[in-house]
Amino acid sequence: MVTYPAPATHCMKVTIYHNPRCSKSRATLALLLERGIQAEVIEYLDAPPDRNKLLRLLKSLNLSPRELLRTGEAAYKELDLGRTQMTDAEIIDIMVCNPILIERPIVVAGSRAAIGRPPERVLEIL
């Protein structure tokens, strides 16, 4: 976890679930920094959210577990996640064990969250 410095005038806690290898994630982090927003950076592949944290993120995002899946990942196909009979609980358990399947980046500001696709989308919650 890395915290980037920013002016003290910004007091809302902002967290980004970040993958530094992802161009959208890097662009979203850069957008926050350009605006002087201090962000707690969680490299979620190294420090994946547990089940309870993932449930809170889903609630803040107002998404179902299936909507948060990265369908283009090899693990999606390998685990046959396109099956419609999977329960939300099963999908969450799989995402906890395979965080590469979690859409990124996720920015959380207070009780609100947004996926940075496109990066400017996170500005709606700030």
N, C-alpha and C. Protein backbone atom coordinates (compact mmCIF):
# COMPACT_ATOMS: atom_id res chain seq x y z
N MET A 1 0.86 -1.17 0.00
CA MET A 1 0.00 0.00 0.00
C MET A 1 0.90 1.23 0.00
N VAL A 2 0.59 2.18 -0.89
CA VAL A 2 1.36 3.40 -1.03
C VAL A 2 0.42 4.57 -0.91
N THR A 3 0.82 5.61 -0.18
CA THR A 3 0.04 6.84 -0.12
C THR A 3 0.83 7.92 -0.82
N TYR A 4 0.21 8.56 -1.80
CA TYR A 4 0.85 9.62 -2.53
C TYR A 4 0.52 10.95 -1.88
N PRO A 5 1.49 11.84 -1.72
CA PRO A 5 1.23 13.12 -1.08
C PRO A 5 0.37 14.03 -1.94
N ALA A 6 -0.40 14.87 -1.29
CA ALA A 6 -1.23 15.86 -1.98
C ALA A 6 -1.45 17.03 -1.03
N PRO A 7 -1.95 18.13 -1.54
CA PRO A 7 -2.20 19.27 -0.67
C PRO A 7 -3.13 18.91 0.49
N ALA A 8 -2.91 19.52 1.64
CA ALA A 8 -3.69 19.22 2.84
C ALA A 8 -5.12 19.73 2.75
N THR A 9 -5.44 20.49 1.72
CA THR A 9 -6.78 21.05 1.61
C THR A 9 -7.83 19.99 1.27
N HIS A 10 -7.41 18.86 0.75
CA HIS A 10 -8.37 17.81 0.38
C HIS A 10 -8.49 16.85 1.54
N CYS A 11 -9.69 16.75 2.14
CA CYS A 11 -9.82 15.96 3.36
C CYS A 11 -10.64 14.68 3.19
N MET A 12 -11.23 14.43 2.02
CA MET A 12 -11.99 13.21 1.81
C MET A 12 -11.01 12.06 1.57
N LYS A 13 -11.19 10.96 2.29
CA LYS A 13 -10.33 9.80 2.08
C LYS A 13 -10.71 9.13 0.77
N VAL A 14 -9.72 8.94 -0.06
CA VAL A 14 -9.92 8.31 -1.35
C VAL A 14 -8.99 7.10 -1.42
N THR A 15 -9.55 5.98 -1.87
CA THR A 15 -8.78 4.75 -2.02
C THR A 15 -8.93 4.29 -3.46
N ILE A 16 -7.83 3.82 -4.04
CA ILE A 16 -7.89 3.24 -5.38
C ILE A 16 -7.37 1.81 -5.30
N TYR A 17 -8.18 0.89 -5.80
CA TYR A 17 -7.76 -0.50 -5.97
C TYR A 17 -7.12 -0.55 -7.34
N HIS A 18 -5.81 -0.71 -7.35
CA HIS A 18 -4.97 -0.39 -8.49
C HIS A 18 -4.17 -1.59 -8.96
N ASN A 19 -4.01 -1.68 -10.27
CA ASN A 19 -3.10 -2.64 -10.88
C ASN A 19 -2.13 -1.81 -11.72
N PRO A 20 -0.88 -1.67 -11.28
CA PRO A 20 0.05 -0.81 -12.01
C PRO A 20 0.35 -1.26 -13.43
N ARG A 21 0.01 -2.49 -13.79
CA ARG A 21 0.22 -2.98 -15.15
C ARG A 21 -0.94 -2.62 -16.08
N CYS A 22 -2.01 -2.05 -15.54
CA CYS A 22 -3.20 -1.72 -16.31
C CYS A 22 -3.18 -0.24 -16.71
N SER A 23 -3.31 0.04 -18.00
CA SER A 23 -3.25 1.43 -18.47
C SER A 23 -4.40 2.27 -17.91
N LYS A 24 -5.60 1.70 -17.81
CA LYS A 24 -6.74 2.46 -17.25
C LYS A 24 -6.52 2.76 -15.77
N SER A 25 -5.93 1.82 -15.06
CA SER A 25 -5.65 2.03 -13.65
C SER A 25 -4.59 3.12 -13.47
N ARG A 26 -3.55 3.07 -14.28
CA ARG A 26 -2.51 4.10 -14.21
C ARG A 26 -3.09 5.47 -14.57
N ALA A 27 -3.94 5.52 -15.58
CA ALA A 27 -4.55 6.80 -15.99
C ALA A 27 -5.47 7.35 -14.91
N THR A 28 -6.19 6.47 -14.24
CA THR A 28 -7.09 6.91 -13.17
C THR A 28 -6.29 7.45 -12.01
N LEU A 29 -5.23 6.77 -11.62
CA LEU A 29 -4.37 7.26 -10.54
C LEU A 29 -3.76 8.61 -10.92
N ALA A 30 -3.30 8.75 -12.15
CA ALA A 30 -2.73 10.02 -12.60
C ALA A 30 -3.77 11.14 -12.55
N LEU A 31 -5.01 10.84 -12.92
CA LEU A 31 -6.09 11.82 -12.87
C LEU A 31 -6.30 12.32 -11.44
N LEU A 32 -6.31 11.40 -10.50
CA LEU A 32 -6.46 11.79 -9.09
C LEU A 32 -5.32 12.69 -8.66
N LEU A 33 -4.10 12.28 -8.97
CA LEU A 33 -2.92 13.05 -8.56
C LEU A 33 -2.90 14.43 -9.20
N GLU A 34 -3.30 14.52 -10.48
CA GLU A 34 -3.36 15.81 -11.18
C GLU A 34 -4.31 16.77 -10.49
N ARG A 35 -5.32 16.22 -9.86
CA ARG A 35 -6.31 17.06 -9.17
C ARG A 35 -5.95 17.28 -7.71
N GLY A 36 -4.77 16.84 -7.30
CA GLY A 36 -4.31 17.06 -5.93
C GLY A 36 -5.03 16.20 -4.92
N ILE A 37 -5.54 15.06 -5.36
CA ILE A 37 -6.30 14.18 -4.46
C ILE A 37 -5.37 13.13 -3.90
N GLN A 38 -5.25 13.11 -2.60
CA GLN A 38 -4.44 12.10 -1.93
C GLN A 38 -5.17 10.77 -2.00
N ALA A 39 -4.48 9.77 -2.49
CA ALA A 39 -5.12 8.47 -2.67
C ALA A 39 -4.33 7.38 -1.95
N GLU A 40 -5.05 6.59 -1.19
CA GLU A 40 -4.45 5.38 -0.64
C GLU A 40 -4.49 4.36 -1.78
N VAL A 41 -3.34 3.87 -2.17
CA VAL A 41 -3.24 2.96 -3.30
C VAL A 41 -3.12 1.54 -2.77
N ILE A 42 -4.07 0.71 -3.14
CA ILE A 42 -4.04 -0.70 -2.78
C ILE A 42 -3.82 -1.49 -4.05
N GLU A 43 -2.66 -2.11 -4.16
CA GLU A 43 -2.39 -2.97 -5.30
C GLU A 43 -3.08 -4.30 -5.01
N TYR A 44 -4.30 -4.40 -5.50
CA TYR A 44 -5.20 -5.47 -5.06
C TYR A 44 -4.79 -6.86 -5.50
N LEU A 45 -3.87 -6.97 -6.45
CA LEU A 45 -3.38 -8.30 -6.80
C LEU A 45 -2.43 -8.82 -5.71
N ASP A 46 -1.73 -7.90 -5.04
CA ASP A 46 -0.84 -8.26 -3.94
C ASP A 46 -1.56 -8.30 -2.60
N ALA A 47 -2.60 -7.49 -2.46
CA ALA A 47 -3.39 -7.41 -1.22
C ALA A 47 -4.86 -7.47 -1.59
N PRO A 48 -5.35 -8.66 -1.99
CA PRO A 48 -6.73 -8.75 -2.46
C PRO A 48 -7.75 -8.48 -1.36
N PRO A 49 -8.90 -7.93 -1.75
CA PRO A 49 -9.95 -7.72 -0.75
C PRO A 49 -10.49 -9.07 -0.28
N ASP A 50 -10.81 -9.14 1.01
CA ASP A 50 -11.44 -10.36 1.51
C ASP A 50 -12.92 -10.32 1.13
N ARG A 51 -13.62 -11.35 1.50
CA ARG A 51 -15.04 -11.49 1.14
C ARG A 51 -15.87 -10.29 1.62
N ASN A 52 -15.69 -9.90 2.88
CA ASN A 52 -16.47 -8.79 3.43
C ASN A 52 -16.15 -7.47 2.73
N LYS A 53 -14.88 -7.22 2.44
CA LYS A 53 -14.49 -5.99 1.74
C LYS A 53 -15.07 -6.00 0.33
N LEU A 54 -15.03 -7.14 -0.32
CA LEU A 54 -15.59 -7.24 -1.67
C LEU A 54 -17.09 -6.99 -1.66
N LEU A 55 -17.78 -7.50 -0.65
CA LEU A 55 -19.23 -7.24 -0.52
C LEU A 55 -19.50 -5.75 -0.33
N ARG A 56 -18.67 -5.08 0.48
CA ARG A 56 -18.84 -3.63 0.69
C ARG A 56 -18.57 -2.87 -0.61
N LEU A 57 -17.55 -3.28 -1.35
CA LEU A 57 -17.26 -2.62 -2.62
C LEU A 57 -18.42 -2.78 -3.60
N LEU A 58 -18.95 -3.99 -3.68
CA LEU A 58 -20.09 -4.23 -4.57
C LEU A 58 -21.28 -3.35 -4.20
N LYS A 59 -21.53 -3.22 -2.90
CA LYS A 59 -22.64 -2.37 -2.45
C LYS A 59 -22.38 -0.91 -2.83
N SER A 60 -21.16 -0.42 -2.59
CA SER A 60 -20.83 0.96 -2.93
C SER A 60 -20.90 1.21 -4.44
N LEU A 61 -20.53 0.20 -5.21
CA LEU A 61 -20.58 0.31 -6.67
C LEU A 61 -21.99 0.11 -7.22
N ASN A 62 -22.86 -0.47 -6.39
CA ASN A 62 -24.20 -0.82 -6.82
C ASN A 62 -24.16 -1.78 -8.02
N LEU A 63 -23.31 -2.80 -7.88
CA LEU A 63 -23.15 -3.81 -8.93
C LEU A 63 -23.36 -5.20 -8.36
N SER A 64 -23.73 -6.11 -9.22
CA SER A 64 -23.78 -7.52 -8.84
C SER A 64 -22.38 -8.09 -8.99
N PRO A 65 -22.08 -9.19 -8.33
CA PRO A 65 -20.76 -9.80 -8.50
C PRO A 65 -20.43 -10.09 -9.97
N ARG A 66 -21.39 -10.57 -10.72
CA ARG A 66 -21.15 -10.89 -12.13
C ARG A 66 -20.76 -9.63 -12.91
N GLU A 67 -21.34 -8.48 -12.56
CA GLU A 67 -21.03 -7.23 -13.26
C GLU A 67 -19.62 -6.74 -12.98
N LEU A 68 -19.00 -7.23 -11.91
CA LEU A 68 -17.65 -6.81 -11.54
C LEU A 68 -16.58 -7.75 -12.11
N LEU A 69 -17.00 -8.80 -12.77
CA LEU A 69 -16.05 -9.76 -13.35
C LEU A 69 -15.41 -9.22 -14.62
N ARG A 70 -14.13 -9.49 -14.76
CA ARG A 70 -13.41 -9.19 -16.00
C ARG A 70 -13.54 -10.40 -16.91
N THR A 71 -14.42 -10.32 -17.87
CA THR A 71 -14.74 -11.47 -18.71
C THR A 71 -13.65 -11.78 -19.74
N GLY A 72 -12.73 -10.87 -19.96
CA GLY A 72 -11.67 -11.11 -20.94
C GLY A 72 -10.45 -11.81 -20.37
N GLU A 73 -10.43 -12.04 -19.08
CA GLU A 73 -9.28 -12.71 -18.47
C GLU A 73 -9.28 -14.20 -18.77
N ALA A 74 -8.10 -14.76 -18.92
CA ALA A 74 -7.97 -16.20 -19.16
C ALA A 74 -8.65 -17.00 -18.04
N ALA A 75 -8.52 -16.54 -16.80
CA ALA A 75 -9.12 -17.25 -15.66
C ALA A 75 -10.64 -17.33 -15.79
N TYR A 76 -11.26 -16.33 -16.42
CA TYR A 76 -12.71 -16.34 -16.61
C TYR A 76 -13.10 -17.56 -17.45
N LYS A 77 -12.37 -17.76 -18.52
CA LYS A 77 -12.65 -18.90 -19.40
C LYS A 77 -12.26 -20.22 -18.75
N GLU A 78 -11.08 -20.24 -18.11
CA GLU A 78 -10.59 -21.47 -17.47
C GLU A 78 -11.54 -21.97 -16.37
N LEU A 79 -12.14 -21.02 -15.65
CA LEU A 79 -13.06 -21.39 -14.56
C LEU A 79 -14.51 -21.50 -15.04
N ASP A 80 -14.72 -21.33 -16.34
CA ASP A 80 -16.05 -21.45 -16.93
C ASP A 80 -17.07 -20.55 -16.23
N LEU A 81 -16.68 -19.29 -16.04
CA LEU A 81 -17.54 -18.35 -15.30
C LEU A 81 -18.71 -17.83 -16.11
N GLY A 82 -18.80 -18.19 -17.36
CA GLY A 82 -19.95 -17.80 -18.17
C GLY A 82 -21.20 -18.59 -17.83
N ARG A 83 -21.05 -19.61 -17.00
CA ARG A 83 -22.21 -20.42 -16.60
C ARG A 83 -23.20 -19.53 -15.85
N THR A 84 -24.42 -19.50 -16.28
CA THR A 84 -25.41 -18.62 -15.66
C THR A 84 -25.94 -19.17 -14.33
N GLN A 85 -25.75 -20.45 -14.07
CA GLN A 85 -26.30 -21.02 -12.83
C GLN A 85 -25.43 -20.75 -11.61
N MET A 86 -24.32 -20.06 -11.76
CA MET A 86 -23.47 -19.75 -10.61
C MET A 86 -24.17 -18.73 -9.71
N THR A 87 -24.06 -18.93 -8.41
CA THR A 87 -24.65 -17.98 -7.47
C THR A 87 -23.71 -16.80 -7.25
N ASP A 88 -24.26 -15.72 -6.71
CA ASP A 88 -23.43 -14.56 -6.36
C ASP A 88 -22.34 -14.97 -5.38
N ALA A 89 -22.70 -15.80 -4.40
CA ALA A 89 -21.73 -16.24 -3.39
C ALA A 89 -20.58 -17.00 -4.04
N GLU A 90 -20.88 -17.84 -5.00
CA GLU A 90 -19.83 -18.59 -5.69
C GLU A 90 -18.91 -17.65 -6.47
N ILE A 91 -19.49 -16.67 -7.13
CA ILE A 91 -18.70 -15.72 -7.91
C ILE A 91 -17.80 -14.91 -6.98
N ILE A 92 -18.33 -14.47 -5.86
CA ILE A 92 -17.53 -13.71 -4.89
C ILE A 92 -16.37 -14.55 -4.39
N ASP A 93 -16.63 -15.79 -4.03
CA ASP A 93 -15.56 -16.68 -3.55
C ASP A 93 -14.47 -16.83 -4.61
N ILE A 94 -14.86 -16.95 -5.87
CA ILE A 94 -13.89 -17.08 -6.95
C ILE A 94 -13.08 -15.80 -7.10
N MET A 95 -13.72 -14.63 -6.99
CA MET A 95 -12.99 -13.36 -7.11
C MET A 95 -12.02 -13.17 -5.96
N VAL A 96 -12.39 -13.61 -4.76
CA VAL A 96 -11.49 -13.49 -3.61
C VAL A 96 -10.23 -14.33 -3.86
N CYS A 97 -10.40 -15.51 -4.43
CA CYS A 97 -9.26 -16.39 -4.70
C CYS A 97 -8.51 -16.03 -5.98
N ASN A 98 -9.16 -15.28 -6.87
CA ASN A 98 -8.58 -14.91 -8.17
C ASN A 98 -8.82 -13.42 -8.41
N PRO A 99 -8.13 -12.55 -7.67
CA PRO A 99 -8.42 -11.11 -7.77
C PRO A 99 -8.20 -10.52 -9.16
N ILE A 100 -7.47 -11.20 -10.03
CA ILE A 100 -7.30 -10.72 -11.40
C ILE A 100 -8.65 -10.59 -12.11
N LEU A 101 -9.65 -11.30 -11.59
CA LEU A 101 -10.99 -11.27 -12.19
C LEU A 101 -11.82 -10.05 -11.78
N ILE A 102 -11.32 -9.26 -10.84
CA ILE A 102 -12.04 -8.08 -10.37
C ILE A 102 -11.76 -6.91 -11.31
N GLU A 103 -12.82 -6.29 -11.82
CA GLU A 103 -12.67 -5.14 -12.71
C GLU A 103 -11.88 -4.05 -12.00
N ARG A 104 -11.10 -3.31 -12.78
CA ARG A 104 -10.24 -2.29 -12.21
C ARG A 104 -10.21 -1.06 -13.09
N PRO A 105 -9.77 0.03 -12.53
CA PRO A 105 -9.53 0.31 -11.12
C PRO A 105 -10.83 0.67 -10.43
N ILE A 106 -10.88 0.43 -9.14
CA ILE A 106 -12.02 0.85 -8.33
C ILE A 106 -11.54 1.99 -7.44
N VAL A 107 -12.27 3.10 -7.47
CA VAL A 107 -11.96 4.23 -6.60
C VAL A 107 -13.10 4.37 -5.61
N VAL A 108 -12.74 4.49 -4.33
CA VAL A 108 -13.72 4.65 -3.26
C VAL A 108 -13.48 6.00 -2.60
N ALA A 109 -14.56 6.76 -2.45
CA ALA A 109 -14.52 8.06 -1.77
C ALA A 109 -15.70 8.09 -0.81
N GLY A 110 -15.41 7.96 0.48
CA GLY A 110 -16.49 7.89 1.46
C GLY A 110 -17.28 6.61 1.24
N SER A 111 -18.59 6.74 1.10
CA SER A 111 -19.44 5.56 0.89
C SER A 111 -19.71 5.30 -0.60
N ARG A 112 -19.10 6.09 -1.45
CA ARG A 112 -19.34 5.96 -2.89
C ARG A 112 -18.14 5.32 -3.57
N ALA A 113 -18.39 4.64 -4.67
CA ALA A 113 -17.31 4.01 -5.42
C ALA A 113 -17.64 4.06 -6.91
N ALA A 114 -16.60 3.99 -7.72
CA ALA A 114 -16.76 3.98 -9.17
C ALA A 114 -15.60 3.21 -9.79
N ILE A 115 -15.87 2.63 -10.94
CA ILE A 115 -14.82 1.97 -11.71
C ILE A 115 -14.29 2.99 -12.71
N GLY A 116 -12.99 3.11 -12.78
CA GLY A 116 -12.35 4.09 -13.66
C GLY A 116 -12.28 3.66 -15.10
N ARG A 117 -13.40 3.39 -15.70
CA ARG A 117 -13.50 3.02 -17.11
C ARG A 117 -14.65 3.81 -17.72
N PRO A 118 -14.38 4.94 -18.33
CA PRO A 118 -13.09 5.60 -18.50
C PRO A 118 -12.64 6.24 -17.18
N PRO A 119 -11.37 6.63 -17.10
CA PRO A 119 -10.86 7.20 -15.85
C PRO A 119 -11.68 8.37 -15.31
N GLU A 120 -12.20 9.21 -16.18
CA GLU A 120 -12.96 10.40 -15.76
C GLU A 120 -14.23 10.03 -14.99
N ARG A 121 -14.65 8.82 -15.11
CA ARG A 121 -15.87 8.38 -14.41
C ARG A 121 -15.75 8.51 -12.90
N VAL A 122 -14.54 8.40 -12.38
CA VAL A 122 -14.37 8.48 -10.93
C VAL A 122 -14.61 9.90 -10.41
N LEU A 123 -14.53 10.88 -11.27
CA LEU A 123 -14.77 12.27 -10.84
C LEU A 123 -16.20 12.45 -10.34
N GLU A 124 -17.12 11.60 -10.78
CA GLU A 124 -18.52 11.70 -10.37
C GLU A 124 -18.72 11.47 -8.87
N ILE A 125 -17.79 10.75 -8.24
CA ILE A 125 -17.95 10.44 -6.81
C ILE A 125 -17.11 11.33 -5.91
N LEU A 126 -16.32 12.21 -6.51
CA LEU A 126 -15.43 13.07 -5.71
C LEU A 126 -16.05 14.41 -5.42
